[in-house]
N, C-alpha and C. Protein backbone atom coordinates (compact mmCIF):
# COMPACT_ATOMS: atom_id res chain seq x y z
N MET A 1 108.91 50.61 66.11
CA MET A 1 108.29 49.28 66.08
C MET A 1 106.82 49.37 66.51
N PHE A 2 106.55 50.16 67.58
CA PHE A 2 105.18 50.28 68.06
C PHE A 2 104.27 50.87 66.99
N TYR A 3 104.80 51.80 66.21
CA TYR A 3 104.04 52.42 65.12
C TYR A 3 103.53 51.35 64.15
N TYR A 4 104.41 50.44 63.74
CA TYR A 4 104.03 49.43 62.76
C TYR A 4 103.12 48.37 63.35
N VAL A 5 103.28 48.07 64.65
CA VAL A 5 102.37 47.14 65.30
C VAL A 5 100.95 47.72 65.31
N LEU A 6 100.84 49.01 65.66
CA LEU A 6 99.53 49.66 65.65
C LEU A 6 98.93 49.70 64.25
N LYS A 7 99.77 50.08 63.29
CA LYS A 7 99.29 50.29 61.92
C LYS A 7 98.82 49.00 61.26
N TYR A 8 99.58 47.93 61.41
CA TYR A 8 99.31 46.71 60.66
C TYR A 8 98.67 45.58 61.46
N VAL A 9 98.72 45.67 62.79
CA VAL A 9 98.24 44.55 63.61
C VAL A 9 97.04 44.94 64.47
N VAL A 10 97.12 46.09 65.12
CA VAL A 10 96.10 46.45 66.12
C VAL A 10 95.11 47.48 65.58
N LEU A 11 95.54 48.73 65.48
CA LEU A 11 94.61 49.82 65.20
C LEU A 11 94.20 49.90 63.74
N GLY A 12 95.15 49.74 62.83
CA GLY A 12 94.85 49.89 61.42
C GLY A 12 93.75 48.97 60.93
N PRO A 13 93.87 47.65 61.15
CA PRO A 13 92.80 46.74 60.71
C PRO A 13 91.45 47.07 61.35
N LEU A 14 91.46 47.47 62.62
CA LEU A 14 90.21 47.79 63.31
C LEU A 14 89.54 49.01 62.68
N LEU A 15 90.31 50.03 62.40
CA LEU A 15 89.76 51.24 61.79
C LEU A 15 89.18 50.96 60.41
N ARG A 16 89.86 50.11 59.65
CA ARG A 16 89.36 49.77 58.32
C ARG A 16 88.03 49.04 58.38
N VAL A 17 87.87 48.18 59.37
CA VAL A 17 86.63 47.43 59.53
C VAL A 17 85.49 48.34 60.00
N LEU A 18 85.78 49.20 60.98
CA LEU A 18 84.74 50.03 61.57
C LEU A 18 84.28 51.16 60.65
N PHE A 19 85.25 51.84 60.01
CA PHE A 19 84.90 53.06 59.27
C PHE A 19 84.95 52.89 57.76
N ARG A 20 85.37 51.73 57.29
CA ARG A 20 85.37 51.40 55.87
C ARG A 20 85.82 52.59 55.01
N PRO A 21 87.00 53.13 55.28
CA PRO A 21 87.42 54.35 54.58
C PRO A 21 87.53 54.16 53.08
N ARG A 22 86.94 55.10 52.36
CA ARG A 22 87.06 55.13 50.90
C ARG A 22 88.23 56.05 50.57
N ILE A 23 89.19 55.54 49.84
CA ILE A 23 90.41 56.29 49.55
C ILE A 23 90.38 56.74 48.09
N GLU A 24 90.59 58.03 47.87
CA GLU A 24 90.65 58.57 46.52
C GLU A 24 91.95 59.34 46.33
N GLY A 25 92.62 59.11 45.20
CA GLY A 25 93.82 59.86 44.88
C GLY A 25 95.08 59.37 45.56
N MET A 26 95.11 58.12 45.99
CA MET A 26 96.30 57.61 46.65
C MET A 26 97.53 57.69 45.75
N GLU A 27 97.33 57.68 44.44
CA GLU A 27 98.46 57.78 43.50
C GLU A 27 99.18 59.12 43.61
N ASN A 28 98.56 60.08 44.28
CA ASN A 28 99.19 61.40 44.44
C ASN A 28 100.20 61.44 45.58
N ILE A 29 100.23 60.39 46.40
CA ILE A 29 101.23 60.32 47.47
C ILE A 29 102.54 59.80 46.87
N PRO A 30 103.64 60.57 46.96
CA PRO A 30 104.92 60.10 46.39
C PRO A 30 105.35 58.77 47.03
N GLU A 31 105.83 57.86 46.24
CA GLU A 31 106.27 56.57 46.76
C GLU A 31 107.53 56.70 47.59
N GLU A 32 108.31 57.73 47.35
CA GLU A 32 109.53 57.95 48.14
C GLU A 32 109.85 59.44 48.14
N GLY A 33 110.74 59.83 49.03
CA GLY A 33 111.15 61.23 49.09
C GLY A 33 110.26 62.06 49.99
N ALA A 34 110.78 63.21 50.37
CA ALA A 34 110.06 64.10 51.29
C ALA A 34 108.87 64.76 50.63
N ALA A 35 107.81 64.93 51.40
CA ALA A 35 106.62 65.64 50.94
C ALA A 35 105.80 66.02 52.16
N ILE A 36 104.97 67.03 51.99
CA ILE A 36 104.05 67.45 53.05
C ILE A 36 102.64 67.05 52.65
N VAL A 37 101.92 66.42 53.56
CA VAL A 37 100.50 66.15 53.36
C VAL A 37 99.74 67.15 54.23
N ALA A 38 99.03 68.07 53.59
CA ALA A 38 98.32 69.13 54.30
C ALA A 38 96.83 68.89 54.22
N GLY A 39 96.18 68.72 55.37
CA GLY A 39 94.77 68.37 55.36
C GLY A 39 93.90 69.24 56.22
N ASN A 40 92.60 69.15 55.98
CA ASN A 40 91.64 69.78 56.90
C ASN A 40 91.61 68.97 58.19
N HIS A 41 91.09 69.57 59.25
CA HIS A 41 91.13 68.90 60.55
C HIS A 41 89.76 69.04 61.20
N LEU A 42 89.00 67.95 61.17
CA LEU A 42 87.63 67.98 61.63
C LEU A 42 87.39 67.19 62.91
N SER A 43 88.33 66.30 63.25
CA SER A 43 88.05 65.35 64.31
C SER A 43 89.33 64.79 64.91
N PHE A 44 89.26 64.38 66.17
CA PHE A 44 90.39 63.70 66.79
C PHE A 44 90.71 62.41 66.04
N SER A 45 89.71 61.82 65.40
CA SER A 45 89.90 60.59 64.64
C SER A 45 90.83 60.77 63.45
N ASP A 46 90.98 62.01 62.96
CA ASP A 46 91.87 62.25 61.82
C ASP A 46 93.28 61.75 62.09
N HIS A 47 93.73 61.89 63.36
CA HIS A 47 95.09 61.49 63.72
C HIS A 47 95.35 60.01 63.46
N PHE A 48 94.30 59.21 63.48
CA PHE A 48 94.45 57.76 63.34
C PHE A 48 94.11 57.27 61.94
N LEU A 49 93.07 57.86 61.34
CA LEU A 49 92.58 57.34 60.07
C LEU A 49 93.56 57.55 58.93
N MET A 50 94.13 58.75 58.80
CA MET A 50 95.04 58.98 57.68
C MET A 50 96.29 58.11 57.77
N PRO A 51 96.98 58.06 58.92
CA PRO A 51 98.16 57.17 59.00
C PRO A 51 97.82 55.71 58.74
N ALA A 52 96.60 55.31 59.12
CA ALA A 52 96.22 53.90 58.97
C ALA A 52 96.12 53.48 57.51
N ILE A 53 95.77 54.42 56.63
CA ILE A 53 95.54 54.04 55.23
C ILE A 53 96.73 54.35 54.32
N LEU A 54 97.66 55.18 54.78
CA LEU A 54 98.81 55.52 53.94
C LEU A 54 99.81 54.37 53.87
N PRO A 55 100.35 54.09 52.70
CA PRO A 55 101.34 53.02 52.60
C PRO A 55 102.69 53.40 53.23
N ARG A 56 102.95 54.69 53.36
CA ARG A 56 104.19 55.17 53.97
C ARG A 56 103.93 55.69 55.37
N ARG A 57 104.96 55.68 56.18
CA ARG A 57 104.85 56.29 57.51
C ARG A 57 104.75 57.80 57.36
N ILE A 58 103.93 58.42 58.20
CA ILE A 58 103.79 59.86 58.20
C ILE A 58 103.93 60.38 59.63
N THR A 59 104.68 61.45 59.79
CA THR A 59 104.87 62.08 61.09
C THR A 59 104.11 63.38 61.11
N PHE A 60 103.27 63.54 62.13
CA PHE A 60 102.47 64.75 62.25
C PHE A 60 103.06 65.71 63.27
N LEU A 61 102.86 66.99 63.02
CA LEU A 61 103.09 68.00 64.03
C LEU A 61 101.80 68.08 64.84
N ALA A 62 101.83 67.65 66.09
CA ALA A 62 100.63 67.58 66.92
C ALA A 62 100.72 68.63 68.03
N LYS A 63 99.57 69.13 68.44
CA LYS A 63 99.57 70.19 69.45
C LYS A 63 100.18 69.69 70.76
N ALA A 64 100.93 70.58 71.41
CA ALA A 64 101.69 70.22 72.61
C ALA A 64 100.79 69.71 73.72
N GLU A 65 99.52 70.15 73.73
CA GLU A 65 98.61 69.74 74.81
C GLU A 65 98.41 68.23 74.85
N TYR A 66 98.60 67.56 73.71
CA TYR A 66 98.46 66.10 73.71
C TYR A 66 99.57 65.43 74.52
N PHE A 67 100.64 66.14 74.76
CA PHE A 67 101.80 65.56 75.43
C PHE A 67 101.93 66.03 76.88
N THR A 68 101.07 66.90 77.31
CA THR A 68 101.23 67.49 78.64
C THR A 68 100.03 67.26 79.55
N GLY A 69 99.12 66.40 79.16
CA GLY A 69 97.93 66.15 79.96
C GLY A 69 98.26 65.49 81.29
N THR A 70 97.37 65.67 82.26
CA THR A 70 97.56 65.08 83.58
C THR A 70 96.58 63.92 83.80
N GLY A 71 96.80 63.19 84.88
CA GLY A 71 95.94 62.06 85.17
C GLY A 71 96.22 60.88 84.26
N LEU A 72 95.48 59.81 84.44
CA LEU A 72 95.70 58.60 83.66
C LEU A 72 95.47 58.84 82.17
N LYS A 73 94.37 59.53 81.85
CA LYS A 73 94.08 59.79 80.44
C LYS A 73 95.18 60.62 79.79
N GLY A 74 95.65 61.64 80.49
CA GLY A 74 96.71 62.50 79.95
C GLY A 74 97.99 61.75 79.71
N ARG A 75 98.35 60.89 80.67
CA ARG A 75 99.59 60.11 80.54
C ARG A 75 99.50 59.10 79.41
N LEU A 76 98.33 58.48 79.26
CA LEU A 76 98.15 57.51 78.19
C LEU A 76 98.19 58.19 76.82
N THR A 77 97.55 59.35 76.72
CA THR A 77 97.56 60.09 75.46
C THR A 77 98.97 60.50 75.08
N ALA A 78 99.73 61.03 76.05
CA ALA A 78 101.10 61.45 75.79
C ALA A 78 101.96 60.27 75.36
N ALA A 79 101.80 59.14 76.07
CA ALA A 79 102.59 57.95 75.74
C ALA A 79 102.27 57.47 74.33
N PHE A 80 100.99 57.54 73.96
CA PHE A 80 100.60 57.09 72.62
C PHE A 80 101.23 57.96 71.55
N PHE A 81 101.11 59.27 71.67
CA PHE A 81 101.64 60.16 70.64
C PHE A 81 103.16 60.09 70.57
N HIS A 82 103.82 59.93 71.72
CA HIS A 82 105.28 59.77 71.69
C HIS A 82 105.66 58.47 70.98
N SER A 83 104.93 57.39 71.27
CA SER A 83 105.29 56.08 70.75
C SER A 83 105.14 55.99 69.23
N ILE A 84 104.24 56.78 68.67
CA ILE A 84 104.07 56.72 67.21
C ILE A 84 104.86 57.82 66.50
N GLY A 85 105.73 58.48 67.25
CA GLY A 85 106.68 59.40 66.63
C GLY A 85 106.14 60.76 66.28
N GLN A 86 105.02 61.17 66.87
CA GLN A 86 104.48 62.49 66.57
C GLN A 86 105.25 63.58 67.33
N ILE A 87 105.26 64.78 66.79
CA ILE A 87 106.09 65.86 67.32
C ILE A 87 105.21 66.92 67.98
N PRO A 88 105.46 67.23 69.27
CA PRO A 88 104.66 68.27 69.93
C PRO A 88 104.98 69.66 69.40
N VAL A 89 103.94 70.47 69.22
CA VAL A 89 104.10 71.81 68.68
C VAL A 89 103.38 72.81 69.58
N ASP A 90 104.09 73.86 69.95
CA ASP A 90 103.50 74.97 70.70
C ASP A 90 102.77 75.86 69.70
N ARG A 91 101.47 76.07 69.93
CA ARG A 91 100.66 76.82 68.96
C ARG A 91 100.47 78.29 69.34
N SER A 92 101.31 78.80 70.24
CA SER A 92 101.12 80.17 70.71
C SER A 92 101.58 81.22 69.71
N GLY A 93 102.27 80.80 68.64
CA GLY A 93 102.70 81.73 67.61
C GLY A 93 104.08 82.30 67.87
N GLY A 94 104.53 83.22 67.01
CA GLY A 94 105.83 83.86 67.19
C GLY A 94 106.97 82.88 67.11
N LYS A 95 107.85 82.90 68.12
CA LYS A 95 109.01 82.02 68.16
C LYS A 95 108.58 80.55 68.21
N ALA A 96 107.43 80.29 68.81
CA ALA A 96 106.93 78.91 68.86
C ALA A 96 106.67 78.39 67.46
N GLY A 97 106.17 79.28 66.59
CA GLY A 97 105.91 78.88 65.21
C GLY A 97 107.19 78.54 64.48
N GLU A 98 108.24 79.29 64.70
CA GLU A 98 109.54 79.00 64.08
C GLU A 98 110.09 77.68 64.58
N SER A 99 109.85 77.37 65.85
CA SER A 99 110.30 76.09 66.40
C SER A 99 109.59 74.93 65.71
N ALA A 100 108.29 75.10 65.45
CA ALA A 100 107.53 74.06 64.76
C ALA A 100 108.06 73.85 63.35
N ILE A 101 108.41 74.94 62.68
CA ILE A 101 108.96 74.84 61.34
C ILE A 101 110.29 74.09 61.36
N ARG A 102 111.13 74.37 62.34
CA ARG A 102 112.42 73.67 62.44
C ARG A 102 112.21 72.17 62.64
N GLU A 103 111.24 71.81 63.48
CA GLU A 103 110.98 70.39 63.72
C GLU A 103 110.46 69.72 62.45
N GLY A 104 109.60 70.41 61.74
CA GLY A 104 109.08 69.86 60.49
C GLY A 104 110.17 69.71 59.45
N MET A 105 111.08 70.66 59.40
CA MET A 105 112.19 70.59 58.44
C MET A 105 113.09 69.39 58.71
N LYS A 106 113.23 69.02 59.97
CA LYS A 106 114.04 67.84 60.31
C LYS A 106 113.43 66.58 59.69
N VAL A 107 112.10 66.48 59.77
CA VAL A 107 111.41 65.32 59.20
C VAL A 107 111.60 65.30 57.68
N LEU A 108 111.41 66.44 57.05
CA LEU A 108 111.57 66.52 55.60
C LEU A 108 113.01 66.29 55.18
N GLY A 109 113.95 66.72 56.02
CA GLY A 109 115.37 66.51 55.72
C GLY A 109 115.76 65.05 55.68
N LYS A 110 114.97 64.21 56.32
CA LYS A 110 115.23 62.76 56.30
C LYS A 110 114.49 62.06 55.16
N GLY A 111 113.86 62.85 54.29
CA GLY A 111 113.15 62.27 53.15
C GLY A 111 111.84 61.61 53.50
N GLU A 112 111.20 62.07 54.58
CA GLU A 112 109.97 61.44 55.05
C GLU A 112 108.74 62.28 54.74
N LEU A 113 107.57 61.68 55.01
CA LEU A 113 106.31 62.40 54.88
C LEU A 113 106.01 63.16 56.16
N LEU A 114 105.64 64.41 56.00
CA LEU A 114 105.24 65.24 57.14
C LEU A 114 103.77 65.58 57.00
N GLY A 115 103.00 65.32 58.04
CA GLY A 115 101.59 65.67 58.04
C GLY A 115 101.35 66.94 58.84
N ILE A 116 100.52 67.82 58.32
CA ILE A 116 100.24 69.06 59.03
C ILE A 116 98.81 69.50 58.74
N TYR A 117 98.18 70.09 59.75
CA TYR A 117 96.86 70.67 59.59
C TYR A 117 97.04 72.19 59.58
N PRO A 118 97.01 72.83 58.42
CA PRO A 118 97.29 74.27 58.34
C PRO A 118 96.36 75.15 59.17
N GLU A 119 95.14 74.67 59.45
CA GLU A 119 94.23 75.48 60.25
C GLU A 119 94.74 75.66 61.68
N GLY A 120 95.61 74.74 62.13
CA GLY A 120 96.20 74.87 63.46
C GLY A 120 95.39 74.28 64.59
N THR A 121 94.14 73.94 64.32
CA THR A 121 93.27 73.35 65.34
C THR A 121 92.09 72.70 64.65
N ARG A 122 91.36 71.87 65.38
CA ARG A 122 90.18 71.24 64.80
C ARG A 122 89.08 72.27 64.53
N SER A 123 88.38 72.08 63.43
CA SER A 123 87.22 72.91 63.15
C SER A 123 86.13 72.57 64.16
N HIS A 124 85.56 73.59 64.78
CA HIS A 124 84.52 73.37 65.79
C HIS A 124 83.12 73.29 65.19
N ASP A 125 83.01 73.58 63.88
CA ASP A 125 81.68 73.60 63.27
C ASP A 125 81.64 72.94 61.89
N GLY A 126 82.71 72.28 61.50
CA GLY A 126 82.73 71.58 60.22
C GLY A 126 83.15 72.42 59.04
N ARG A 127 83.37 73.72 59.25
CA ARG A 127 83.81 74.59 58.16
C ARG A 127 85.33 74.59 58.05
N LEU A 128 85.84 75.04 56.90
CA LEU A 128 87.28 75.12 56.68
C LEU A 128 87.73 76.55 56.95
N TYR A 129 88.78 76.68 57.78
CA TYR A 129 89.24 77.99 58.19
C TYR A 129 90.58 78.35 57.55
N LYS A 130 90.93 79.61 57.66
CA LYS A 130 92.16 80.17 57.10
C LYS A 130 93.38 79.39 57.61
N GLY A 131 94.31 79.12 56.70
CA GLY A 131 95.50 78.35 57.05
C GLY A 131 96.63 79.22 57.58
N LYS A 132 97.40 78.67 58.49
CA LYS A 132 98.59 79.36 58.97
C LYS A 132 99.73 79.09 57.99
N VAL A 133 100.68 80.03 57.92
CA VAL A 133 101.64 80.05 56.82
C VAL A 133 102.83 79.09 56.98
N GLY A 134 102.92 78.41 58.11
CA GLY A 134 104.06 77.51 58.31
C GLY A 134 104.17 76.43 57.25
N VAL A 135 103.03 75.92 56.77
CA VAL A 135 103.06 74.86 55.77
C VAL A 135 103.75 75.33 54.49
N ALA A 136 103.45 76.56 54.06
CA ALA A 136 104.08 77.09 52.85
C ALA A 136 105.55 77.40 53.07
N ALA A 137 105.87 77.94 54.25
CA ALA A 137 107.27 78.25 54.55
C ALA A 137 108.14 76.99 54.47
N MET A 138 107.63 75.89 55.02
CA MET A 138 108.40 74.64 54.99
C MET A 138 108.51 74.09 53.57
N ALA A 139 107.42 74.14 52.81
CA ALA A 139 107.44 73.61 51.45
C ALA A 139 108.44 74.36 50.59
N ILE A 140 108.45 75.68 50.72
CA ILE A 140 109.37 76.50 49.92
C ILE A 140 110.80 76.28 50.36
N ARG A 141 111.02 76.29 51.67
CA ARG A 141 112.38 76.17 52.20
C ARG A 141 112.97 74.79 51.92
N ALA A 142 112.16 73.73 52.06
CA ALA A 142 112.65 72.37 51.85
C ALA A 142 112.58 71.92 50.40
N LYS A 143 111.91 72.72 49.56
CA LYS A 143 111.75 72.40 48.14
C LYS A 143 111.04 71.05 47.96
N VAL A 144 109.93 70.90 48.65
CA VAL A 144 109.17 69.65 48.59
C VAL A 144 107.74 69.94 48.14
N PRO A 145 107.07 68.95 47.56
CA PRO A 145 105.67 69.14 47.15
C PRO A 145 104.73 69.08 48.35
N VAL A 146 103.58 69.68 48.17
CA VAL A 146 102.50 69.61 49.16
C VAL A 146 101.34 68.85 48.54
N VAL A 147 100.91 67.79 49.21
CA VAL A 147 99.75 67.02 48.75
C VAL A 147 98.55 67.44 49.59
N PRO A 148 97.55 68.11 48.99
CA PRO A 148 96.36 68.48 49.76
C PRO A 148 95.52 67.25 50.07
N CYS A 149 94.89 67.26 51.22
CA CYS A 149 94.10 66.11 51.65
C CYS A 149 92.80 66.59 52.28
N ALA A 150 91.72 65.91 52.00
CA ALA A 150 90.42 66.22 52.60
C ALA A 150 89.90 65.00 53.34
N MET A 151 89.64 65.18 54.62
CA MET A 151 88.96 64.17 55.42
C MET A 151 87.47 64.50 55.32
N ILE A 152 86.69 63.55 54.88
CA ILE A 152 85.26 63.78 54.66
C ILE A 152 84.46 62.79 55.51
N GLY A 153 83.62 63.33 56.38
CA GLY A 153 82.80 62.47 57.23
C GLY A 153 83.32 62.33 58.64
N THR A 154 84.54 62.78 58.90
CA THR A 154 85.08 62.60 60.26
C THR A 154 84.47 63.57 61.26
N TYR A 155 83.99 64.73 60.79
CA TYR A 155 83.29 65.64 61.70
C TYR A 155 82.01 64.99 62.20
N GLU A 156 81.33 64.29 61.30
CA GLU A 156 80.08 63.65 61.68
C GLU A 156 80.30 62.50 62.65
N ILE A 157 81.43 61.81 62.54
CA ILE A 157 81.63 60.67 63.45
C ILE A 157 82.19 61.10 64.81
N GLN A 158 82.96 62.19 64.83
CA GLN A 158 83.52 62.61 66.12
C GLN A 158 83.86 64.10 66.12
N PRO A 159 82.85 64.96 66.25
CA PRO A 159 83.13 66.39 66.35
C PRO A 159 83.85 66.70 67.66
N ALA A 160 84.43 67.89 67.74
CA ALA A 160 85.12 68.30 68.96
C ALA A 160 84.19 68.17 70.16
N GLY A 161 84.69 67.55 71.22
CA GLY A 161 83.89 67.37 72.43
C GLY A 161 83.28 65.99 72.57
N ARG A 162 83.20 65.24 71.47
CA ARG A 162 82.65 63.89 71.55
C ARG A 162 83.77 62.91 71.86
N ARG A 163 83.61 62.11 72.89
CA ARG A 163 84.67 61.20 73.32
C ARG A 163 84.82 59.98 72.42
N LEU A 164 83.72 59.32 72.12
CA LEU A 164 83.78 58.11 71.31
C LEU A 164 83.17 58.37 69.94
N PRO A 165 83.80 57.91 68.87
CA PRO A 165 83.28 58.17 67.53
C PRO A 165 82.06 57.32 67.19
N ARG A 166 81.22 57.88 66.35
CA ARG A 166 80.14 57.09 65.77
C ARG A 166 80.73 56.19 64.69
N ILE A 167 80.09 55.08 64.44
CA ILE A 167 80.59 54.14 63.44
C ILE A 167 79.90 54.40 62.12
N LYS A 168 80.60 55.15 61.24
CA LYS A 168 80.07 55.48 59.92
C LYS A 168 81.23 55.49 58.93
N PRO A 169 80.96 55.25 57.65
CA PRO A 169 82.02 55.30 56.63
C PRO A 169 82.56 56.71 56.47
N VAL A 170 83.85 56.81 56.12
CA VAL A 170 84.48 58.10 55.86
C VAL A 170 85.20 58.02 54.52
N THR A 171 85.52 59.18 53.99
CA THR A 171 86.28 59.27 52.74
C THR A 171 87.54 60.09 53.01
N ILE A 172 88.66 59.63 52.44
CA ILE A 172 89.92 60.37 52.53
C ILE A 172 90.38 60.61 51.10
N ARG A 173 90.49 61.88 50.73
CA ARG A 173 90.74 62.25 49.34
C ARG A 173 92.04 63.05 49.23
N PHE A 174 92.95 62.60 48.36
CA PHE A 174 94.23 63.27 48.15
C PHE A 174 94.22 63.95 46.78
N GLY A 175 94.70 65.19 46.73
CA GLY A 175 94.77 65.92 45.48
C GLY A 175 96.14 65.84 44.85
N ALA A 176 96.27 66.42 43.68
CA ALA A 176 97.55 66.41 42.96
C ALA A 176 98.59 67.21 43.75
N PRO A 177 99.85 66.73 43.76
CA PRO A 177 100.92 67.44 44.47
C PRO A 177 101.08 68.86 43.94
N MET A 178 101.32 69.77 44.85
CA MET A 178 101.53 71.18 44.51
C MET A 178 102.99 71.53 44.76
N GLU A 179 103.57 72.29 43.85
CA GLU A 179 104.97 72.68 44.04
C GLU A 179 105.09 74.20 43.95
N PHE A 180 106.05 74.72 44.69
CA PHE A 180 106.19 76.17 44.83
C PHE A 180 107.62 76.62 44.52
N SER A 181 108.22 75.99 43.52
CA SER A 181 109.59 76.33 43.16
C SER A 181 109.71 77.78 42.69
N ARG A 182 108.62 78.35 42.20
CA ARG A 182 108.67 79.75 41.74
C ARG A 182 108.94 80.73 42.88
N PHE A 183 108.75 80.24 44.13
CA PHE A 183 108.98 81.09 45.30
C PHE A 183 110.30 80.79 46.00
N GLU A 184 111.16 80.01 45.36
CA GLU A 184 112.42 79.61 46.01
C GLU A 184 113.18 80.83 46.52
N GLY A 185 113.65 80.71 47.77
CA GLY A 185 114.40 81.78 48.39
C GLY A 185 113.56 82.91 48.94
N MET A 186 112.23 82.76 48.87
CA MET A 186 111.34 83.83 49.32
C MET A 186 110.47 83.39 50.50
N ASP A 187 110.93 82.36 51.23
CA ASP A 187 110.11 81.81 52.30
C ASP A 187 109.99 82.72 53.51
N ASN A 188 110.76 83.79 53.55
CA ASN A 188 110.64 84.75 54.65
C ASN A 188 109.79 85.96 54.28
N GLU A 189 109.30 85.98 53.03
CA GLU A 189 108.45 87.08 52.58
C GLU A 189 107.00 86.77 52.96
N ARG A 190 106.44 87.62 53.80
CA ARG A 190 105.11 87.35 54.33
C ARG A 190 104.06 87.19 53.23
N TYR A 191 104.08 88.06 52.25
CA TYR A 191 103.06 88.00 51.21
C TYR A 191 103.19 86.73 50.37
N VAL A 192 104.43 86.22 50.25
CA VAL A 192 104.66 85.00 49.46
C VAL A 192 104.09 83.79 50.18
N VAL A 193 104.44 83.62 51.45
CA VAL A 193 103.95 82.44 52.17
C VAL A 193 102.43 82.52 52.38
N ARG A 194 101.91 83.75 52.48
CA ARG A 194 100.45 83.90 52.61
C ARG A 194 99.77 83.45 51.32
N SER A 195 100.32 83.87 50.19
CA SER A 195 99.74 83.51 48.90
C SER A 195 99.81 82.00 48.68
N ALA A 196 100.95 81.39 48.97
CA ALA A 196 101.11 79.95 48.79
C ALA A 196 100.18 79.18 49.72
N THR A 197 100.05 79.64 50.95
CA THR A 197 99.15 78.98 51.91
C THR A 197 97.71 79.05 51.43
N ASP A 198 97.31 80.19 50.90
CA ASP A 198 95.94 80.31 50.38
C ASP A 198 95.70 79.36 49.21
N GLU A 199 96.73 79.14 48.39
CA GLU A 199 96.61 78.16 47.30
C GLU A 199 96.35 76.77 47.86
N ILE A 200 97.09 76.43 48.90
CA ILE A 200 96.95 75.11 49.52
C ILE A 200 95.55 74.96 50.12
N MET A 201 95.07 75.99 50.82
CA MET A 201 93.75 75.91 51.43
C MET A 201 92.66 75.82 50.37
N TYR A 202 92.84 76.51 49.25
CA TYR A 202 91.85 76.42 48.18
C TYR A 202 91.81 75.00 47.60
N ALA A 203 92.98 74.36 47.49
CA ALA A 203 93.03 72.98 46.99
C ALA A 203 92.31 72.03 47.95
N ILE A 204 92.51 72.24 49.26
CA ILE A 204 91.80 71.42 50.25
C ILE A 204 90.30 71.66 50.15
N LEU A 205 89.92 72.92 49.99
CA LEU A 205 88.50 73.27 49.86
C LEU A 205 87.87 72.59 48.66
N ALA A 206 88.58 72.58 47.53
CA ALA A 206 88.05 71.94 46.32
C ALA A 206 87.84 70.44 46.53
N LEU A 207 88.68 69.84 47.34
CA LEU A 207 88.55 68.41 47.61
C LEU A 207 87.44 68.10 48.62
N SER A 208 87.30 68.97 49.62
CA SER A 208 86.39 68.68 50.73
C SER A 208 84.97 69.17 50.51
N GLY A 209 84.81 70.26 49.74
CA GLY A 209 83.49 70.84 49.55
C GLY A 209 82.95 71.57 50.76
N GLN A 210 83.82 71.89 51.72
CA GLN A 210 83.39 72.59 52.92
C GLN A 210 83.07 74.06 52.63
N GLU A 211 82.36 74.68 53.53
CA GLU A 211 82.22 76.14 53.52
C GLU A 211 83.51 76.73 54.04
N TYR A 212 84.00 77.81 53.42
CA TYR A 212 85.28 78.41 53.81
C TYR A 212 85.05 79.69 54.62
N VAL A 213 85.87 79.86 55.66
CA VAL A 213 85.83 81.05 56.48
C VAL A 213 87.22 81.68 56.45
N ASP A 214 87.31 82.92 55.99
CA ASP A 214 88.61 83.58 55.85
C ASP A 214 89.06 84.22 57.17
N ARG A 215 89.04 83.41 58.19
CA ARG A 215 89.53 83.81 59.51
C ARG A 215 90.16 82.59 60.16
N TYR A 216 91.02 82.82 61.16
CA TYR A 216 91.64 81.71 61.87
C TYR A 216 90.62 81.05 62.81
N ALA A 217 90.61 79.73 62.80
CA ALA A 217 89.64 78.99 63.62
C ALA A 217 89.78 79.31 65.10
N ALA A 218 91.01 79.45 65.57
CA ALA A 218 91.23 79.71 67.00
C ALA A 218 90.61 81.04 67.42
N GLU A 219 90.66 82.05 66.52
CA GLU A 219 90.08 83.35 66.83
C GLU A 219 88.57 83.25 66.95
N VAL A 220 87.96 82.56 66.00
CA VAL A 220 86.50 82.42 66.00
C VAL A 220 86.05 81.63 67.23
N LYS A 221 86.78 80.58 67.57
CA LYS A 221 86.43 79.80 68.76
C LYS A 221 86.50 80.65 70.01
N ALA A 222 87.57 81.43 70.13
CA ALA A 222 87.75 82.28 71.31
C ALA A 222 86.62 83.30 71.43
N GLU A 223 86.21 83.88 70.30
CA GLU A 223 85.11 84.85 70.31
C GLU A 223 83.81 84.19 70.78
N GLN A 224 83.53 83.01 70.25
CA GLN A 224 82.29 82.34 70.61
C GLN A 224 82.28 81.93 72.07
N GLN A 225 83.44 81.49 72.57
CA GLN A 225 83.53 81.13 73.98
C GLN A 225 83.34 82.35 74.87
N GLY A 226 83.90 83.48 74.42
CA GLY A 226 83.73 84.71 75.18
C GLY A 226 82.29 85.16 75.22
N GLN A 227 81.61 85.07 74.07
CA GLN A 227 80.21 85.44 74.00
C GLN A 227 79.35 84.51 74.85
N SER A 228 79.72 83.23 74.85
CA SER A 228 78.99 82.27 75.66
C SER A 228 79.15 82.57 77.14
N GLY A 229 80.38 82.97 77.51
CA GLY A 229 80.63 83.31 78.91
C GLY A 229 79.86 84.54 79.34
N ILE A 230 79.78 85.56 78.46
CA ILE A 230 79.02 86.77 78.77
C ILE A 230 77.54 86.43 78.92
N GLY A 231 77.05 85.59 78.00
CA GLY A 231 75.65 85.19 78.06
C GLY A 231 75.32 84.46 79.36
N SER A 232 76.23 83.60 79.80
CA SER A 232 76.01 82.86 81.05
C SER A 232 75.96 83.80 82.24
N ARG A 233 76.85 84.80 82.25
CA ARG A 233 76.87 85.76 83.36
C ARG A 233 75.61 86.61 83.39
N LEU A 234 75.13 86.99 82.17
CA LEU A 234 73.91 87.78 82.11
C LEU A 234 72.70 86.99 82.60
N ARG A 235 72.67 85.72 82.23
CA ARG A 235 71.54 84.88 82.68
C ARG A 235 71.55 84.70 84.18
N ARG A 236 72.75 84.54 84.74
CA ARG A 236 72.84 84.40 86.19
C ARG A 236 72.42 85.69 86.88
N GLY A 237 72.79 86.83 86.25
CA GLY A 237 72.43 88.11 86.83
C GLY A 237 70.92 88.35 86.78
N ALA A 238 70.31 87.82 85.68
CA ALA A 238 68.86 87.98 85.56
C ALA A 238 68.13 87.15 86.59
């Protein structure tokens, strides 16, 4: 109930007024049945804007940190994500990744829309990064289409680290559904899910027009943070 109050009464109308989202390709969202919406991830605002404009309810796999924060802000964030039905996901990889796939499969098994950001984290510089293979594994295993999605302009309104968004128009673009029936029964083959994931990321790239980086965003972020830390220590030593 809280989800629909936010979508149609409180948050949804406000977002439409403030950001005047331009929607392209809405006809590519199936009117019924299970499907995965796979999008780029540029901003914290993405979590609100896409659900606000979709005619169907969508459940996202959201990073576990949104549910484990401390203090008033942490508790409010956790309560919000729980109330709108989002699913916490451990992003540490390995068995945690399989757990995320199981949770996503439950959503698809109910014939619902599942939202996922294949990059696994927000882009820290506006570029599109290599996708993780869970999206393809779920699509193949559940035999559902993947609708690529590009959020355009959300990095400019609220890049990582910015608390309040700037008020500017954004575009949300959906591509034609992609199906992977040719890979049926091969969802445990690493080269298969890697190939299918790359197809999905290329479709997102074609929609978004971003620069592509063939590396995982989390790795690049960690490297830059490490270099920044070394630089700080050298400056202090100097």
